[in-house]
Amino acid sequence: LHLGAVMVADDLALMSSNRCDMQSSLSIAEHDASRERYKYNTDKTKVIPINCNTEPALKLYNQQLGISCQEAHLGILRNQTGSNKETIAARIHSARKTVMSLLGAGMCGYNGSGPYIGRELYKTYVLPVLLYGLEALVLNDDEVRALEIYHRQNLRCIQHLPRSTANGAVHLLIGIPPIEALIDIRALSMLRNILTVDHPSPPTLFMSDFMVRQLAMKD
């Protein structure tokens, strides 16, 4: 039994392994909100049951919360199966829209600009949209492959290379690594931000202590 509740638009998510703990977490959140003089929207707060035989009855402000199969949390689509396919599809869709909006600025050299301009536009505007939040996920081979195919297709278009061009040449000529390497770089950067903080705050200290605990408990 696993439960998740997404609250306050897509910013806050509560997780628990049983209904009693989840109801206690909701009560604590309700108490804190009352103390700080704000209120949760019960219509937008949803419960995502995972491996539950029956739908759990959870209440917030004495109102039963609705059940959902999928909700957004910090831009990542959380669902009952734990799959990231929907998130990957949404990232590719958003990146494709960004590419289309940049065609007039010389994204693929249609207005006389060279591959260098397209490379800088791609790195500045498209890659952040494509990779947003993926460093915090555990992606399987199929999900990485879908991202890699779209990423390499864009690099070929920027350089006006045929499909028969070797994958290594596509990346080396333009100087942009494969998508898996870019995700690894972001994951290592996130790890460094957790470990080395110039001005420690309670969230960063908690994350650092939590990471040390996870490493100590890992077999």
C-alpha atoms as a PDB file:
ATOM      1  CA  LEU A   1       0.000   0.000   0.000  1.00  0.00           C
ATOM      2  CA  HIS A   2       1.369   3.386  -1.042  1.00  0.00           C
ATOM      3  CA  LEU A   3      -0.425   6.705  -1.105  1.00  0.00           C
ATOM      4  CA  GLY A   4       0.440  10.093  -2.546  1.00  0.00           C
ATOM      5  CA  ALA A   5      -1.370  13.415  -2.266  1.00  0.00           C
ATOM      6  CA  VAL A   6      -0.570  16.405  -4.489  1.00  0.00           C
ATOM      7  CA  MET A   7      -1.450  19.737  -2.852  1.00  0.00           C
ATOM      8  CA  VAL A   8      -1.092  23.479  -3.527  1.00  0.00           C
ATOM      9  CA  ALA A   9      -1.153  23.460  -7.320  1.00  0.00           C
ATOM     10  CA  ASP A  10       1.795  21.162  -8.131  1.00  0.00           C
ATOM     11  CA  ASP A  11       4.269  22.281  -5.455  1.00  0.00           C
ATOM     12  CA  LEU A  12       3.625  19.981  -2.494  1.00  0.00           C
ATOM     13  CA  ALA A  13       3.361  16.191  -2.443  1.00  0.00           C
ATOM     14  CA  LEU A  14       2.743  13.986   0.584  1.00  0.00           C
ATOM     15  CA  MET A  15       3.643  10.286   0.589  1.00  0.00           C
ATOM     16  CA  SER A  16       2.861   7.488   3.000  1.00  0.00           C
ATOM     17  CA  SER A  17       2.702   3.700   3.154  1.00  0.00           C
ATOM     18  CA  ASN A  18      -0.657   3.551   4.988  1.00  0.00           C
ATOM     19  CA  ARG A  19      -3.868   5.505   5.260  1.00  0.00           C
ATOM     20  CA  CYS A  20      -3.499   6.514   8.920  1.00  0.00           C
ATOM     21  CA  ASP A  21      -0.115   8.164   8.375  1.00  0.00           C
ATOM     22  CA  MET A  22      -1.395   9.965   5.300  1.00  0.00           C
ATOM     23  CA  GLN A  23      -4.428  11.284   7.181  1.00  0.00           C
ATOM     24  CA  SER A  24      -2.117  12.474   9.972  1.00  0.00           C
ATOM     25  CA  SER A  25       0.062  14.280   7.402  1.00  0.00           C
ATOM     26  CA  LEU A  26      -2.995  15.962   5.941  1.00  0.00           C
ATOM     27  CA  SER A  27      -4.103  17.070   9.410  1.00  0.00           C
ATOM     28  CA  ILE A  28      -0.654  18.533  10.112  1.00  0.00           C
ATOM     29  CA  ALA A  29      -0.706  20.360   6.768  1.00  0.00           C
ATOM     30  CA  GLU A  30      -4.172  21.702   7.560  1.00  0.00           C
ATOM     31  CA  HIS A  31      -3.005  22.890  10.985  1.00  0.00           C
ATOM     32  CA  ASP A  32       0.075  24.626   9.556  1.00  0.00           C
ATOM     33  CA  ALA A  33      -2.014  26.300   6.867  1.00  0.00           C
ATOM     34  CA  SER A  34      -4.427  27.616   9.494  1.00  0.00           C
ATOM     35  CA  ARG A  35      -1.526  28.962  11.544  1.00  0.00           C
ATOM     36  CA  GLU A  36      -0.036  30.749   8.523  1.00  0.00           C
ATOM     37  CA  ARG A  37      -3.486  31.984   7.418  1.00  0.00           C
ATOM     38  CA  TYR A  38      -3.846  30.277   4.074  1.00  0.00           C
ATOM     39  CA  LYS A  39      -6.047  27.454   2.875  1.00  0.00           C
ATOM     40  CA  TYR A  40      -5.636  24.469   0.586  1.00  0.00           C
ATOM     41  CA  ASN A  41      -7.946  24.019  -2.371  1.00  0.00           C
ATOM     42  CA  THR A  42      -9.680  20.711  -1.745  1.00  0.00           C
ATOM     43  CA  ASP A  43     -10.870  20.504  -5.363  1.00  0.00           C
ATOM     44  CA  LYS A  44      -7.279  20.599  -6.641  1.00  0.00           C
ATOM     45  CA  THR A  45      -5.859  18.302  -3.955  1.00  0.00           C
ATOM     46  CA  LYS A  46      -5.903  14.738  -5.267  1.00  0.00           C
ATOM     47  CA  VAL A  47      -4.947  11.323  -3.896  1.00  0.00           C
ATOM     48  CA  ILE A  48      -3.006   8.864  -6.054  1.00  0.00           C
ATOM     49  CA  PRO A  49      -3.380   5.302  -4.693  1.00  0.00           C
ATOM     50  CA  ILE A  50      -0.612   2.878  -5.654  1.00  0.00           C
ATOM     51  CA  ASN A  51      -1.108  -0.871  -5.181  1.00  0.00           C
ATOM     52  CA  CYS A  52      -4.273  -0.309  -3.147  1.00  0.00           C
ATOM     53  CA  ASN A  53      -7.062  -2.875  -3.160  1.00  0.00           C
ATOM     54  CA  THR A  54      -9.662  -0.260  -2.219  1.00  0.00           C
ATOM     55  CA  GLU A  55      -9.814   3.476  -2.729  1.00  0.00           C
ATOM     56  CA  PRO A  56      -8.641   5.201   0.488  1.00  0.00           C
ATOM     57  CA  ALA A  57     -10.999   7.689   2.120  1.00  0.00           C
ATOM     58  CA  LEU A  58      -8.899  10.730   3.077  1.00  0.00           C
ATOM     59  CA  LYS A  59     -10.257  14.051   4.263  1.00  0.00           C
ATOM     60  CA  LEU A  60      -9.034  17.632   4.254  1.00  0.00           C
ATOM     61  CA  TYR A  61     -11.168  20.280   6.000  1.00  0.00           C
ATOM     62  CA  ASN A  62     -13.707  17.481   6.605  1.00  0.00           C
ATOM     63  CA  GLN A  63     -14.107  17.026   2.854  1.00  0.00           C
ATOM     64  CA  GLN A  64     -13.234  13.766   1.182  1.00  0.00           C
ATOM     65  CA  LEU A  65     -10.458  14.153  -1.375  1.00  0.00           C
ATOM     66  CA  GLY A  66     -10.853  12.947  -4.931  1.00  0.00           C
ATOM     67  CA  ILE A  67      -8.933  10.037  -6.424  1.00  0.00           C
ATOM     68  CA  SER A  68      -6.688  10.586  -9.436  1.00  0.00           C
ATOM     69  CA  CYS A  69      -4.589   8.320 -11.654  1.00  0.00           C
ATOM     70  CA  GLN A  70      -2.066  11.015 -12.591  1.00  0.00           C
ATOM     71  CA  GLU A  71      -1.119  14.469 -11.286  1.00  0.00           C
ATOM     72  CA  ALA A  72       1.687  16.960 -11.919  1.00  0.00           C
ATOM     73  CA  HIS A  73       4.254  17.593  -9.190  1.00  0.00           C
ATOM     74  CA  LEU A  74       6.950  20.190  -9.893  1.00  0.00           C
ATOM     75  CA  GLY A  75       6.426  19.660 -13.599  1.00  0.00           C
ATOM     76  CA  ILE A  76       6.739  15.872 -13.328  1.00  0.00           C
ATOM     77  CA  LEU A  77       3.697  13.691 -13.977  1.00  0.00           C
ATOM     78  CA  ARG A  78       3.229  11.290 -11.060  1.00  0.00           C
ATOM     79  CA  ASN A  79       1.021   8.277 -11.714  1.00  0.00           C
ATOM     80  CA  GLN A  80      -0.003   4.946 -10.234  1.00  0.00           C
ATOM     81  CA  THR A  81       2.466   2.881 -12.249  1.00  0.00           C
ATOM     82  CA  GLY A  82       5.602   4.925 -11.519  1.00  0.00           C
ATOM     83  CA  SER A  83       6.325   5.191 -15.246  1.00  0.00           C
ATOM     84  CA  ASN A  84       7.994   8.288 -16.691  1.00  0.00           C
ATOM     85  CA  LYS A  85       6.668   7.843 -20.233  1.00  0.00           C
ATOM     86  CA  GLU A  86       4.093  10.605 -19.879  1.00  0.00           C
ATOM     87  CA  THR A  87       6.705  12.991 -18.475  1.00  0.00           C
ATOM     88  CA  ILE A  88       9.113  12.215 -21.326  1.00  0.00           C
ATOM     89  CA  ALA A  89       6.369  12.718 -23.910  1.00  0.00           C
ATOM     90  CA  ALA A  90       5.444  16.052 -22.319  1.00  0.00           C
ATOM     91  CA  ARG A  91       9.094  17.181 -22.325  1.00  0.00           C
ATOM     92  CA  ILE A  92       9.515  16.321 -26.011  1.00  0.00           C
ATOM     93  CA  HIS A  93       6.247  18.069 -26.862  1.00  0.00           C
ATOM     94  CA  SER A  94       7.310  21.254 -25.032  1.00  0.00           C
ATOM     95  CA  ALA A  95      10.772  21.163 -26.611  1.00  0.00           C
ATOM     96  CA  ARG A  96       9.256  20.729 -30.074  1.00  0.00           C
ATOM     97  CA  LYS A  97       7.074  23.801 -29.551  1.00  0.00           C
ATOM     98  CA  THR A  98      10.151  25.754 -28.449  1.00  0.00           C
ATOM     99  CA  VAL A  99      12.059  24.682 -31.569  1.00  0.00           C
ATOM    100  CA  MET A 100       9.191  25.765 -33.806  1.00  0.00           C
ATOM    101  CA  SER A 101       9.069  29.174 -32.149  1.00  0.00           C
ATOM    102  CA  LEU A 102      12.816  29.634 -32.772  1.00  0.00           C
ATOM    103  CA  LEU A 103      12.823  28.827 -36.491  1.00  0.00           C
ATOM    104  CA  GLY A 104      12.448  32.494 -37.385  1.00  0.00           C
ATOM    105  CA  ALA A 105      15.451  33.357 -35.219  1.00  0.00           C
ATOM    106  CA  GLY A 106      17.729  31.038 -37.218  1.00  0.00           C
ATOM    107  CA  MET A 107      17.348  27.792 -35.313  1.00  0.00           C
ATOM    108  CA  CYS A 108      18.014  25.645 -38.386  1.00  0.00           C
ATOM    109  CA  GLY A 109      19.718  28.268 -40.532  1.00  0.00           C
ATOM    110  CA  TYR A 110      16.702  29.055 -42.710  1.00  0.00           C
ATOM    111  CA  ASN A 111      17.352  32.820 -42.557  1.00  0.00           C
ATOM    112  CA  GLY A 112      21.026  32.658 -43.477  1.00  0.00           C
ATOM    113  CA  SER A 113      22.463  32.040 -40.009  1.00  0.00           C
ATOM    114  CA  GLY A 114      24.978  29.241 -39.565  1.00  0.00           C
ATOM    115  CA  PRO A 115      25.016  26.170 -37.324  1.00  0.00           C
ATOM    116  CA  TYR A 116      26.750  28.146 -34.558  1.00  0.00           C
ATOM    117  CA  ILE A 117      23.659  30.343 -34.046  1.00  0.00           C
ATOM    118  CA  GLY A 118      21.390  27.303 -34.046  1.00  0.00           C
ATOM    119  CA  ARG A 119      23.683  25.554 -31.557  1.00  0.00           C
ATOM    120  CA  GLU A 120      23.561  28.466 -29.112  1.00  0.00           C
ATOM    121  CA  LEU A 121      19.785  28.814 -29.459  1.00  0.00           C
ATOM    122  CA  TYR A 122      19.363  25.081 -28.889  1.00  0.00           C
ATOM    123  CA  LYS A 123      21.576  25.066 -25.782  1.00  0.00           C
ATOM    124  CA  THR A 124      19.998  28.206 -24.326  1.00  0.00           C
ATOM    125  CA  TYR A 125      16.295  27.645 -24.958  1.00  0.00           C
ATOM    126  CA  VAL A 126      15.528  24.060 -26.012  1.00  0.00           C
ATOM    127  CA  LEU A 127      17.734  21.876 -23.797  1.00  0.00           C
ATOM    128  CA  PRO A 128      16.510  23.432 -20.497  1.00  0.00           C
ATOM    129  CA  VAL A 129      12.918  22.704 -21.540  1.00  0.00           C
ATOM    130  CA  LEU A 130      13.738  19.165 -22.694  1.00  0.00           C
ATOM    131  CA  LEU A 131      15.736  18.213 -19.578  1.00  0.00           C
ATOM    132  CA  TYR A 132      13.782  20.044 -16.862  1.00  0.00           C
ATOM    133  CA  GLY A 133      13.520  17.878 -13.742  1.00  0.00           C
ATOM    134  CA  LEU A 134      14.857  14.706 -15.397  1.00  0.00           C
ATOM    135  CA  GLU A 135      17.971  14.639 -13.194  1.00  0.00           C
ATOM    136  CA  ALA A 136      15.702  13.701 -10.271  1.00  0.00           C
ATOM    137  CA  LEU A 137      14.178  10.684 -12.061  1.00  0.00           C
ATOM    138  CA  VAL A 138      15.385   7.143 -12.664  1.00  0.00           C
ATOM    139  CA  LEU A 139      14.868   6.663 -16.401  1.00  0.00           C
ATOM    140  CA  ASN A 140      14.866   3.281 -18.118  1.00  0.00           C
ATOM    141  CA  ASP A 141      16.512   2.539 -21.456  1.00  0.00           C
ATOM    142  CA  ASP A 142      13.368   3.118 -23.518  1.00  0.00           C
ATOM    143  CA  GLU A 143      12.766   6.547 -21.992  1.00  0.00           C
ATOM    144  CA  VAL A 144      16.377   7.627 -22.539  1.00  0.00           C
ATOM    145  CA  ARG A 145      16.224   6.293 -26.099  1.00  0.00           C
ATOM    146  CA  ALA A 146      13.132   8.375 -26.888  1.00  0.00           C
ATOM    147  CA  LEU A 147      14.883  11.508 -25.631  1.00  0.00           C
ATOM    148  CA  GLU A 148      18.072  10.617 -27.522  1.00  0.00           C
ATOM    149  CA  ILE A 149      16.267  10.117 -30.830  1.00  0.00           C
ATOM    150  CA  TYR A 150      14.596  13.517 -30.596  1.00  0.00           C
ATOM    151  CA  HIS A 151      17.826  15.189 -29.394  1.00  0.00           C
ATOM    152  CA  ARG A 152      19.906  13.734 -32.240  1.00  0.00           C
ATOM    153  CA  GLN A 153      17.246  14.641 -34.786  1.00  0.00           C
ATOM    154  CA  ASN A 154      17.502  18.288 -33.739  1.00  0.00           C
ATOM    155  CA  LEU A 155      21.298  18.243 -33.949  1.00  0.00           C
ATOM    156  CA  ARG A 156      21.129  16.815 -37.479  1.00  0.00           C
ATOM    157  CA  CYS A 157      18.690  19.521 -38.561  1.00  0.00           C
ATOM    158  CA  ILE A 158      20.852  22.303 -37.111  1.00  0.00           C
ATOM    159  CA  GLN A 159      23.902  21.010 -39.009  1.00  0.00           C
ATOM    160  CA  HIS A 160      21.926  19.974 -42.144  1.00  0.00           C
ATOM    161  CA  LEU A 161      23.336  16.453 -41.897  1.00  0.00           C
ATOM    162  CA  PRO A 162      21.726  13.413 -43.583  1.00  0.00           C
ATOM    163  CA  ARG A 163      20.231  10.589 -41.553  1.00  0.00           C
ATOM    164  CA  SER A 164      23.099   8.320 -42.566  1.00  0.00           C
ATOM    165  CA  THR A 165      25.615  10.425 -40.602  1.00  0.00           C
ATOM    166  CA  ALA A 166      27.237   8.502 -37.756  1.00  0.00           C
ATOM    167  CA  ASN A 167      25.904   9.344 -34.301  1.00  0.00           C
ATOM    168  CA  GLY A 168      29.367  10.161 -32.998  1.00  0.00           C
ATOM    169  CA  ALA A 169      29.947  12.669 -35.793  1.00  0.00           C
ATOM    170  CA  VAL A 170      26.602  14.347 -35.104  1.00  0.00           C
ATOM    171  CA  HIS A 171      27.682  15.136 -31.532  1.00  0.00           C
ATOM    172  CA  LEU A 172      31.368  15.830 -32.161  1.00  0.00           C
ATOM    173  CA  LEU A 173      30.865  18.298 -35.001  1.00  0.00           C
ATOM    174  CA  ILE A 174      28.535  20.531 -32.995  1.00  0.00           C
ATOM    175  CA  GLY A 175      30.071  19.942 -29.561  1.00  0.00           C
ATOM    176  CA  ILE A 176      26.889  18.865 -27.708  1.00  0.00           C
ATOM    177  CA  PRO A 177      27.015  15.547 -25.753  1.00  0.00           C
ATOM    178  CA  PRO A 178      24.352  12.811 -25.956  1.00  0.00           C
ATOM    179  CA  ILE A 179      21.250  13.233 -23.836  1.00  0.00           C
ATOM    180  CA  GLU A 180      22.312  10.628 -21.261  1.00  0.00           C
ATOM    181  CA  ALA A 181      25.535  12.541 -20.594  1.00  0.00           C
ATOM    182  CA  LEU A 182      23.610  15.809 -20.221  1.00  0.00           C
ATOM    183  CA  ILE A 183      21.282  14.223 -17.648  1.00  0.00           C
ATOM    184  CA  ASP A 184      24.281  12.811 -15.748  1.00  0.00           C
ATOM    185  CA  ILE A 185      25.886  16.264 -15.660  1.00  0.00           C
ATOM    186  CA  ARG A 186      22.710  17.736 -14.213  1.00  0.00           C
ATOM    187  CA  ALA A 187      22.449  14.951 -11.616  1.00  0.00           C
ATOM    188  CA  LEU A 188      26.049  15.528 -10.491  1.00  0.00           C
ATOM    189  CA  SER A 189      25.407  19.279 -10.323  1.00  0.00           C
ATOM    190  CA  MET A 190      22.357  18.670  -8.128  1.00  0.00           C
ATOM    191  CA  LEU A 191      24.453  16.416  -5.871  1.00  0.00           C
ATOM    192  CA  ARG A 192      27.100  19.118  -5.533  1.00  0.00           C
ATOM    193  CA  ASN A 193      24.472  21.725  -4.670  1.00  0.00           C
ATOM    194  CA  ILE A 194      23.249  19.472  -1.856  1.00  0.00           C
ATOM    195  CA  LEU A 195      26.708  18.720  -0.494  1.00  0.00           C
ATOM    196  CA  THR A 196      28.326  22.156  -0.733  1.00  0.00           C
ATOM    197  CA  VAL A 197      26.124  25.065   0.316  1.00  0.00           C
ATOM    198  CA  ASP A 198      27.577  28.493   1.093  1.00  0.00           C
ATOM    199  CA  HIS A 199      24.589  29.553   3.179  1.00  0.00           C
ATOM    200  CA  PRO A 200      22.929  26.446   4.685  1.00  0.00           C
ATOM    201  CA  SER A 201      19.171  26.563   5.080  1.00  0.00           C
ATOM    202  CA  PRO A 202      16.874  24.004   6.756  1.00  0.00           C
ATOM    203  CA  PRO A 203      15.825  22.390   3.421  1.00  0.00           C
ATOM    204  CA  THR A 204      19.403  21.970   2.187  1.00  0.00           C
ATOM    205  CA  LEU A 205      20.583  20.654   5.554  1.00  0.00           C
ATOM    206  CA  PHE A 206      17.697  18.177   5.582  1.00  0.00           C
ATOM    207  CA  MET A 207      18.529  16.991   2.072  1.00  0.00           C
ATOM    208  CA  SER A 208      22.189  16.550   2.994  1.00  0.00           C
ATOM    209  CA  ASP A 209      21.364  14.550   6.148  1.00  0.00           C
ATOM    210  CA  PHE A 210      18.779  12.494   4.258  1.00  0.00           C
ATOM    211  CA  MET A 211      21.275  11.645   1.514  1.00  0.00           C
ATOM    212  CA  VAL A 212      23.897  10.550   4.064  1.00  0.00           C
ATOM    213  CA  ARG A 213      21.279   8.333   5.753  1.00  0.00           C
ATOM    214  CA  GLN A 214      20.284   6.755   2.449  1.00  0.00           C
ATOM    215  CA  LEU A 215      23.893   6.005   1.588  1.00  0.00           C
ATOM    216  CA  ALA A 216      24.494   4.495   5.034  1.00  0.00           C
ATOM    217  CA  MET A 217      21.414   2.252   4.787  1.00  0.00           C
ATOM    218  CA  LYS A 218      22.048   1.136   1.208  1.00  0.00           C
ATOM    219  CA  ASP A 219      23.245  -2.451   0.873  1.00  0.00           C
END
